Amino acid sequence: MSDDMTVEVALAVMAGARVEHLTVCDGDDEVTGRVTRIRLAVVRDSSAYTDRIRLRDVLHGPLPSPGVGAYGRVAGVVAVSR
């Protein structure tokens, strides 16, 4: 998943692929981290959310985190890049 993708699009991709994690890559296709559906849902539901928040912001910014931790522990991983 490209790090410039929005949270809303990432959630749609995850729902369509029926996965709980996404591997996030930068413009050089280098892995920069992972995000969970739970983490993205918490971000989307927070008062700090705007439709301009990108996956890179979730990985590198001080956003709300779910109780299971930054990456969670749920089966199902898909890696997508540009």
PDB file of N, CA and C in Angstrom:
ATOM      1  N   MET A   1       0.858  -1.153   0.000  1.00  0.00           N
ATOM      2  CA  MET A   1       0.000   0.000   0.000  1.00  0.00           C
ATOM      3  C   MET A   1       0.910   1.222   0.000  1.00  0.00           C
ATOM      4  N   SER A   2       0.674   2.128  -0.892  1.00  0.00           N
ATOM      5  CA  SER A   2       1.471   3.346  -0.968  1.00  0.00           C
ATOM      6  C   SER A   2       1.176   4.258   0.216  1.00  0.00           C
ATOM      7  N   ASP A   3       2.216   4.870   0.767  1.00  0.00           N
ATOM      8  CA  ASP A   3       2.029   5.706   1.953  1.00  0.00           C
ATOM      9  C   ASP A   3       1.286   7.002   1.674  1.00  0.00           C
ATOM     10  N   ASP A   4       1.040   7.335   0.392  1.00  0.00           N
ATOM     11  CA  ASP A   4       0.275   8.543   0.101  1.00  0.00           C
ATOM     12  C   ASP A   4      -1.222   8.269  -0.064  1.00  0.00           C
ATOM     13  N   MET A   5      -1.648   7.028   0.147  1.00  0.00           N
ATOM     14  CA  MET A   5      -3.058   6.680   0.089  1.00  0.00           C
ATOM     15  C   MET A   5      -3.781   7.199   1.336  1.00  0.00           C
ATOM     16  N   THR A   6      -5.018   7.623   1.164  1.00  0.00           N
ATOM     17  CA  THR A   6      -5.781   8.127   2.307  1.00  0.00           C
ATOM     18  C   THR A   6      -6.270   6.977   3.184  1.00  0.00           C
ATOM     19  N   VAL A   7      -6.598   7.319   4.404  1.00  0.00           N
ATOM     20  CA  VAL A   7      -7.120   6.348   5.368  1.00  0.00           C
ATOM     21  C   VAL A   7      -8.395   5.708   4.838  1.00  0.00           C
ATOM     22  N   GLU A   8      -9.288   6.505   4.270  1.00  0.00           N
ATOM     23  CA  GLU A   8     -10.567   5.997   3.781  1.00  0.00           C
ATOM     24  C   GLU A   8     -10.365   4.983   2.659  1.00  0.00           C
ATOM     25  N   VAL A   9      -9.471   5.269   1.710  1.00  0.00           N
ATOM     26  CA  VAL A   9      -9.199   4.341   0.610  1.00  0.00           C
ATOM     27  C   VAL A   9      -8.546   3.070   1.152  1.00  0.00           C
ATOM     28  N   ALA A  10      -7.620   3.206   2.082  1.00  0.00           N
ATOM     29  CA  ALA A  10      -6.968   2.038   2.671  1.00  0.00           C
ATOM     30  C   ALA A  10      -7.992   1.140   3.363  1.00  0.00           C
ATOM     31  N   LEU A  11      -8.922   1.726   4.085  1.00  0.00           N
ATOM     32  CA  LEU A  11      -9.965   0.930   4.744  1.00  0.00           C
ATOM     33  C   LEU A  11     -10.822   0.195   3.720  1.00  0.00           C
ATOM     34  N   ALA A  12     -11.119   0.832   2.603  1.00  0.00           N
ATOM     35  CA  ALA A  12     -11.906   0.183   1.548  1.00  0.00           C
ATOM     36  C   ALA A  12     -11.134  -0.980   0.935  1.00  0.00           C
ATOM     37  N   VAL A  13      -9.831  -0.801   0.699  1.00  0.00           N
ATOM     38  CA  VAL A  13      -8.993  -1.871   0.157  1.00  0.00           C
ATOM     39  C   VAL A  13      -8.958  -3.041   1.131  1.00  0.00           C
ATOM     40  N   MET A  14      -8.801  -2.750   2.403  1.00  0.00           N
ATOM     41  CA  MET A  14      -8.734  -3.804   3.418  1.00  0.00           C
ATOM     42  C   MET A  14     -10.047  -4.573   3.493  1.00  0.00           C
ATOM     43  N   ALA A  15     -11.150  -3.858   3.431  1.00  0.00           N
ATOM     44  CA  ALA A  15     -12.452  -4.520   3.475  1.00  0.00           C
ATOM     45  C   ALA A  15     -12.638  -5.415   2.254  1.00  0.00           C
ATOM     46  N   GLY A  16     -12.263  -4.909   1.080  1.00  0.00           N
ATOM     47  CA  GLY A  16     -12.398  -5.684  -0.141  1.00  0.00           C
ATOM     48  C   GLY A  16     -11.509  -6.920  -0.158  1.00  0.00           C
ATOM     49  N   ALA A  17     -10.308  -6.791   0.396  1.00  0.00           N
ATOM     50  CA  ALA A  17      -9.368  -7.910   0.430  1.00  0.00           C
ATOM     51  C   ALA A  17      -9.581  -8.811   1.642  1.00  0.00           C
ATOM     52  N   ARG A  18     -10.446  -8.382   2.558  1.00  0.00           N
ATOM     53  CA  ARG A  18     -10.725  -9.133   3.789  1.00  0.00           C
ATOM     54  C   ARG A  18      -9.457  -9.414   4.592  1.00  0.00           C
ATOM     55  N   VAL A  19      -8.672  -8.343   4.804  1.00  0.00           N
ATOM     56  CA  VAL A  19      -7.446  -8.452   5.593  1.00  0.00           C
ATOM     57  C   VAL A  19      -7.505  -7.463   6.747  1.00  0.00           C
ATOM     58  N   GLU A  20      -6.702  -7.703   7.751  1.00  0.00           N
ATOM     59  CA  GLU A  20      -6.649  -6.848   8.930  1.00  0.00           C
ATOM     60  C   GLU A  20      -5.409  -5.964   8.976  1.00  0.00           C
ATOM     61  N   HIS A  21      -4.366  -6.305   8.205  1.00  0.00           N
ATOM     62  CA  HIS A  21      -3.124  -5.532   8.152  1.00  0.00           C
ATOM     63  C   HIS A  21      -2.828  -5.100   6.722  1.00  0.00           C
ATOM     64  N   LEU A  22      -2.152  -3.984   6.575  1.00  0.00           N
ATOM     65  CA  LEU A  22      -1.569  -3.590   5.296  1.00  0.00           C
ATOM     66  C   LEU A  22      -0.112  -3.238   5.525  1.00  0.00           C
ATOM     67  N   THR A  23       0.749  -3.667   4.632  1.00  0.00           N
ATOM     68  CA  THR A  23       2.138  -3.250   4.646  1.00  0.00           C
ATOM     69  C   THR A  23       2.217  -1.964   3.846  1.00  0.00           C
ATOM     70  N   VAL A  24       2.835  -0.947   4.410  1.00  0.00           N
ATOM     71  CA  VAL A  24       2.903   0.372   3.781  1.00  0.00           C
ATOM     72  C   VAL A  24       4.291   0.578   3.186  1.00  0.00           C
ATOM     73  N   CYS A  25       4.334   1.060   1.934  1.00  0.00           N
ATOM     74  CA  CYS A  25       5.593   1.299   1.229  1.00  0.00           C
ATOM     75  C   CYS A  25       5.691   2.767   0.805  1.00  0.00           C
ATOM     76  N   ASP A  26       6.928   3.271   0.727  1.00  0.00           N
ATOM     77  CA  ASP A  26       7.144   4.640   0.267  1.00  0.00           C
ATOM     78  C   ASP A  26       7.235   4.668  -1.262  1.00  0.00           C
ATOM     79  N   GLY A  27       7.575   5.817  -1.827  1.00  0.00           N
ATOM     80  CA  GLY A  27       7.663   5.974  -3.266  1.00  0.00           C
ATOM     81  C   GLY A  27       8.724   5.122  -3.928  1.00  0.00           C
ATOM     82  N   ASP A  28       9.698   4.642  -3.163  1.00  0.00           N
ATOM     83  CA  ASP A  28      10.751   3.766  -3.674  1.00  0.00           C
ATOM     84  C   ASP A  28      10.437   2.290  -3.435  1.00  0.00           C
ATOM     85  N   ASP A  29       9.205   2.004  -3.066  1.00  0.00           N
ATOM     86  CA  ASP A  29       8.749   0.642  -2.740  1.00  0.00           C
ATOM     87  C   ASP A  29       9.489   0.023  -1.566  1.00  0.00           C
ATOM     88  N   GLU A  30       9.995   0.858  -0.668  1.00  0.00           N
ATOM     89  CA  GLU A  30      10.614   0.387   0.572  1.00  0.00           C
ATOM     90  C   GLU A  30       9.531   0.308   1.643  1.00  0.00           C
ATOM     91  N   VAL A  31       9.504  -0.782   2.382  1.00  0.00           N
ATOM     92  CA  VAL A  31       8.516  -0.942   3.453  1.00  0.00           C
ATOM     93  C   VAL A  31       8.816   0.067   4.556  1.00  0.00           C
ATOM     94  N   THR A  32       7.783   0.809   4.941  1.00  0.00           N
ATOM     95  CA  THR A  32       7.939   1.805   6.002  1.00  0.00           C
ATOM     96  C   THR A  32       7.159   1.450   7.260  1.00  0.00           C
ATOM     97  N   GLY A  33       6.304   0.426   7.187  1.00  0.00           N
ATOM     98  CA  GLY A  33       5.552   0.005   8.366  1.00  0.00           C
ATOM     99  C   GLY A  33       4.328  -0.796   7.993  1.00  0.00           C
ATOM    100  N   ARG A  34       3.519  -1.056   9.011  1.00  0.00           N
ATOM    101  CA  ARG A  34       2.249  -1.750   8.833  1.00  0.00           C
ATOM    102  C   ARG A  34       1.174  -1.000   9.590  1.00  0.00           C
ATOM    103  N   VAL A  35      -0.039  -1.099   9.093  1.00  0.00           N
ATOM    104  CA  VAL A  35      -1.189  -0.539   9.796  1.00  0.00           C
ATOM    105  C   VAL A  35      -2.273  -1.600   9.864  1.00  0.00           C
ATOM    106  N   THR A  36      -3.092  -1.504  10.892  1.00  0.00           N
ATOM    107  CA  THR A  36      -4.215  -2.427  11.034  1.00  0.00           C
ATOM    108  C   THR A  36      -5.515  -1.705  10.732  1.00  0.00           C
ATOM    109  N   ARG A  37      -6.511  -2.501  10.428  1.00  0.00           N
ATOM    110  CA  ARG A  37      -7.842  -1.938  10.201  1.00  0.00           C
ATOM    111  C   ARG A  37      -8.340  -1.245  11.475  1.00  0.00           C
ATOM    112  N   ILE A  38      -8.046  -1.833  12.612  1.00  0.00           N
ATOM    113  CA  ILE A  38      -8.452  -1.237  13.887  1.00  0.00           C
ATOM    114  C   ILE A  38      -7.814   0.139  14.054  1.00  0.00           C
ATOM    115  N   ARG A  39      -6.531   0.229  13.807  1.00  0.00           N
ATOM    116  CA  ARG A  39      -5.806   1.503  13.931  1.00  0.00           C
ATOM    117  C   ARG A  39      -6.403   2.561  13.011  1.00  0.00           C
ATOM    118  N   LEU A  40      -6.660   2.198  11.763  1.00  0.00           N
ATOM    119  CA  LEU A  40      -7.219   3.161  10.813  1.00  0.00           C
ATOM    120  C   LEU A  40      -8.640   3.572  11.201  1.00  0.00           C
ATOM    121  N   ALA A  41      -9.419   2.635  11.736  1.00  0.00           N
ATOM    122  CA  ALA A  41     -10.771   2.971  12.181  1.00  0.00           C
ATOM    123  C   ALA A  41     -10.729   3.933  13.363  1.00  0.00           C
ATOM    124  N   VAL A  42      -9.789   3.738  14.275  1.00  0.00           N
ATOM    125  CA  VAL A  42      -9.639   4.646  15.414  1.00  0.00           C
ATOM    126  C   VAL A  42      -9.271   6.043  14.917  1.00  0.00           C
ATOM    127  N   VAL A  43      -8.343   6.110  13.961  1.00  0.00           N
ATOM    128  CA  VAL A  43      -7.949   7.398  13.390  1.00  0.00           C
ATOM    129  C   VAL A  43      -9.146   8.056  12.717  1.00  0.00           C
ATOM    130  N   ARG A  44      -9.867   7.302  11.895  1.00  0.00           N
ATOM    131  CA  ARG A  44     -11.023   7.843  11.179  1.00  0.00           C
ATOM    132  C   ARG A  44     -12.097   8.358  12.134  1.00  0.00           C
ATOM    133  N   ASP A  45     -12.266   7.695  13.256  1.00  0.00           N
ATOM    134  CA  ASP A  45     -13.313   8.077  14.198  1.00  0.00           C
ATOM    135  C   ASP A  45     -12.865   9.142  15.203  1.00  0.00           C
ATOM    136  N   SER A  46     -11.600   9.563  15.146  1.00  0.00           N
ATOM    137  CA  SER A  46     -11.094  10.548  16.098  1.00  0.00           C
ATOM    138  C   SER A  46     -11.489  11.968  15.689  1.00  0.00           C
ATOM    139  N   SER A  47     -11.451  12.874  16.639  1.00  0.00           N
ATOM    140  CA  SER A  47     -11.767  14.270  16.349  1.00  0.00           C
ATOM    141  C   SER A  47     -10.688  14.939  15.507  1.00  0.00           C
ATOM    142  N   ALA A  48      -9.489  14.348  15.432  1.00  0.00           N
ATOM    143  CA  ALA A  48      -8.388  14.895  14.640  1.00  0.00           C
ATOM    144  C   ALA A  48      -8.479  14.492  13.166  1.00  0.00           C
ATOM    145  N   TYR A  49      -9.412  13.625  12.812  1.00  0.00           N
ATOM    146  CA  TYR A  49      -9.482  13.085  11.459  1.00  0.00           C
ATOM    147  C   TYR A  49      -9.950  14.118  10.442  1.00  0.00           C
ATOM    148  N   THR A  50      -9.276  14.118   9.294  1.00  0.00           N
ATOM    149  CA  THR A  50      -9.749  14.821   8.101  1.00  0.00           C
ATOM    150  C   THR A  50      -9.552  13.882   6.928  1.00  0.00           C
ATOM    151  N   ASP A  51     -10.201  14.157   5.820  1.00  0.00           N
ATOM    152  CA  ASP A  51     -10.057  13.289   4.649  1.00  0.00           C
ATOM    153  C   ASP A  51      -8.709  13.459   3.954  1.00  0.00           C
ATOM    154  N   ARG A  52      -7.846  14.300   4.494  1.00  0.00           N
ATOM    155  CA  ARG A  52      -6.507  14.503   3.938  1.00  0.00           C
ATOM    156  C   ARG A  52      -5.437  13.664   4.634  1.00  0.00           C
ATOM    157  N   ILE A  53      -5.791  12.956   5.686  1.00  0.00           N
ATOM    158  CA  ILE A  53      -4.810  12.141   6.409  1.00  0.00           C
ATOM    159  C   ILE A  53      -4.408  10.958   5.542  1.00  0.00           C
ATOM    160  N   ARG A  54      -3.115  10.804   5.361  1.00  0.00           N
ATOM    161  CA  ARG A  54      -2.526   9.746   4.539  1.00  0.00           C
ATOM    162  C   ARG A  54      -1.933   8.669   5.455  1.00  0.00           C
ATOM    163  N   LEU A  55      -1.643   7.525   4.883  1.00  0.00           N
ATOM    164  CA  LEU A  55      -1.050   6.453   5.672  1.00  0.00           C
ATOM    165  C   LEU A  55       0.280   6.870   6.281  1.00  0.00           C
ATOM    166  N   ARG A  56       1.077   7.683   5.587  1.00  0.00           N
ATOM    167  CA  ARG A  56       2.355   8.138   6.150  1.00  0.00           C
ATOM    168  C   ARG A  56       2.122   8.945   7.425  1.00  0.00           C
ATOM    169  N   ASP A  57       0.991   9.669   7.499  1.00  0.00           N
ATOM    170  CA  ASP A  57       0.662  10.435   8.701  1.00  0.00           C
ATOM    171  C   ASP A  57       0.335   9.507   9.867  1.00  0.00           C
ATOM    172  N   VAL A  58      -0.338   8.418   9.570  1.00  0.00           N
ATOM    173  CA  VAL A  58      -0.704   7.444  10.604  1.00  0.00           C
ATOM    174  C   VAL A  58       0.551   6.769  11.153  1.00  0.00           C
ATOM    175  N   LEU A  59       1.497   6.457  10.269  1.00  0.00           N
ATOM    176  CA  LEU A  59       2.724   5.787  10.696  1.00  0.00           C
ATOM    177  C   LEU A  59       3.659   6.706  11.472  1.00  0.00           C
ATOM    178  N   HIS A  60       3.702   7.980  11.108  1.00  0.00           N
ATOM    179  CA  HIS A  60       4.725   8.870  11.651  1.00  0.00           C
ATOM    180  C   HIS A  60       4.192  10.003  12.510  1.00  0.00           C
ATOM    181  N   GLY A  61       2.892  10.054  12.722  1.00  0.00           N
ATOM    182  CA  GLY A  61       2.328  11.150  13.496  1.00  0.00           C
ATOM    183  C   GLY A  61       1.739  10.703  14.809  1.00  0.00           C
ATOM    184  N   PRO A  62       1.527  11.640  15.710  1.00  0.00           N
ATOM    185  CA  PRO A  62       0.928  11.329  17.017  1.00  0.00           C
ATOM    186  C   PRO A  62      -0.590  11.269  16.929  1.00  0.00           C
ATOM    187  N   LEU A  63      -1.105  10.155  16.413  1.00  0.00           N
ATOM    188  CA  LEU A  63      -2.544   9.974  16.285  1.00  0.00           C
ATOM    189  C   LEU A  63      -3.014   8.986  17.336  1.00  0.00           C
ATOM    190  N   PRO A  64      -4.309   8.913  17.611  1.00  0.00           N
ATOM    191  CA  PRO A  64      -4.833   7.993  18.621  1.00  0.00           C
ATOM    192  C   PRO A  64      -4.516   6.548  18.283  1.00  0.00           C
ATOM    193  N   SER A  65      -4.213   5.751  19.283  1.00  0.00           N
ATOM    194  CA  SER A  65      -3.919   4.340  19.041  1.00  0.00           C
ATOM    195  C   SER A  65      -4.943   3.468  19.737  1.00  0.00           C
ATOM    196  N   PRO A  66      -5.281   2.328  19.125  1.00  0.00           N
ATOM    197  CA  PRO A  66      -6.237   1.410  19.744  1.00  0.00           C
ATOM    198  C   PRO A  66      -5.605   0.676  20.916  1.00  0.00           C
ATOM    199  N   GLY A  67      -6.425   0.059  21.719  1.00  0.00           N
ATOM    200  CA  GLY A  67      -5.945  -0.642  22.896  1.00  0.00           C
ATOM    201  C   GLY A  67      -5.061  -1.840  22.612  1.00  0.00           C
ATOM    202  N   VAL A  68      -5.085  -2.372  21.401  1.00  0.00           N
ATOM    203  CA  VAL A  68      -4.271  -3.541  21.088  1.00  0.00           C
ATOM    204  C   VAL A  68      -2.879  -3.180  20.616  1.00  0.00           C
ATOM    205  N   GLY A  69      -2.514  -1.923  20.569  1.00  0.00           N
ATOM    206  CA  GLY A  69      -1.176  -1.511  20.148  1.00  0.00           C
ATOM    207  C   GLY A  69      -1.152  -0.987  18.735  1.00  0.00           C
ATOM    208  N   ALA A  70      -0.026  -0.473  18.334  1.00  0.00           N
ATOM    209  CA  ALA A  70       0.093   0.182  17.034  1.00  0.00           C
ATOM    210  C   ALA A  70      -0.188  -0.768  15.875  1.00  0.00           C
ATOM    211  N   TYR A  71       0.230  -2.029  15.980  1.00  0.00           N
ATOM    212  CA  TYR A  71       0.054  -2.942  14.861  1.00  0.00           C
ATOM    213  C   TYR A  71      -0.962  -4.045  15.123  1.00  0.00           C
ATOM    214  N   GLY A  72      -1.375  -4.226  16.352  1.00  0.00           N
ATOM    215  CA  GLY A  72      -2.335  -5.276  16.654  1.00  0.00           C
ATOM    216  C   GLY A  72      -1.760  -6.655  16.394  1.00  0.00           C
ATOM    217  N   ARG A  73      -2.550  -7.674  16.571  1.00  0.00           N
ATOM    218  CA  ARG A  73      -2.114  -9.047  16.314  1.00  0.00           C
ATOM    219  C   ARG A  73      -3.289  -9.793  15.707  1.00  0.00           C
ATOM    220  N   VAL A  74      -3.578  -9.503  14.441  1.00  0.00           N
ATOM    221  CA  VAL A  74      -4.709 -10.122  13.777  1.00  0.00           C
ATOM    222  C   VAL A  74      -4.231 -10.770  12.485  1.00  0.00           C
ATOM    223  N   ALA A  75      -4.742 -11.928  12.147  1.00  0.00           N
ATOM    224  CA  ALA A  75      -4.314 -12.642  10.932  1.00  0.00           C
ATOM    225  C   ALA A  75      -4.767 -11.901   9.670  1.00  0.00           C
ATOM    226  N   GLY A  76      -4.032 -12.103   8.583  1.00  0.00           N
ATOM    227  CA  GLY A  76      -4.381 -11.545   7.287  1.00  0.00           C
ATOM    228  C   GLY A  76      -3.548 -10.338   6.945  1.00  0.00           C
ATOM    229  N   VAL A  77      -2.615 -10.468   6.011  1.00  0.00           N
ATOM    230  CA  VAL A  77      -1.736  -9.381   5.624  1.00  0.00           C
ATOM    231  C   VAL A  77      -1.693  -9.288   4.115  1.00  0.00           C
ATOM    232  N   VAL A  78      -1.743  -8.084   3.589  1.00  0.00           N
ATOM    233  CA  VAL A  78      -1.572  -7.869   2.154  1.00  0.00           C
ATOM    234  C   VAL A  78      -0.611  -6.719   1.967  1.00  0.00           C
ATOM    235  N   ALA A  79       0.296  -6.824   1.005  1.00  0.00           N
ATOM    236  CA  ALA A  79       1.241  -5.746   0.700  1.00  0.00           C
ATOM    237  C   ALA A  79       0.912  -5.195  -0.676  1.00  0.00           C
ATOM    238  N   VAL A  80       0.715  -3.905  -0.758  1.00  0.00           N
ATOM    239  CA  VAL A  80       0.390  -3.246  -2.011  1.00  0.00           C
ATOM    240  C   VAL A  80       1.265  -2.014  -2.134  1.00  0.00           C
ATOM    241  N   SER A  81       1.809  -1.750  -3.312  1.00  0.00           N
ATOM    242  CA  SER A  81       2.592  -0.533  -3.520  1.00  0.00           C
ATOM    243  C   SER A  81       2.213   0.090  -4.846  1.00  0.00           C
ATOM    244  N   ARG A  82       2.765   1.273  -5.106  1.00  0.00           N
ATOM    245  CA  ARG A  82       2.431   1.961  -6.360  1.00  0.00           C
ATOM    246  C   ARG A  82       2.962   1.231  -7.546  1.00  0.00           C
TER     247      ARG A  82
END
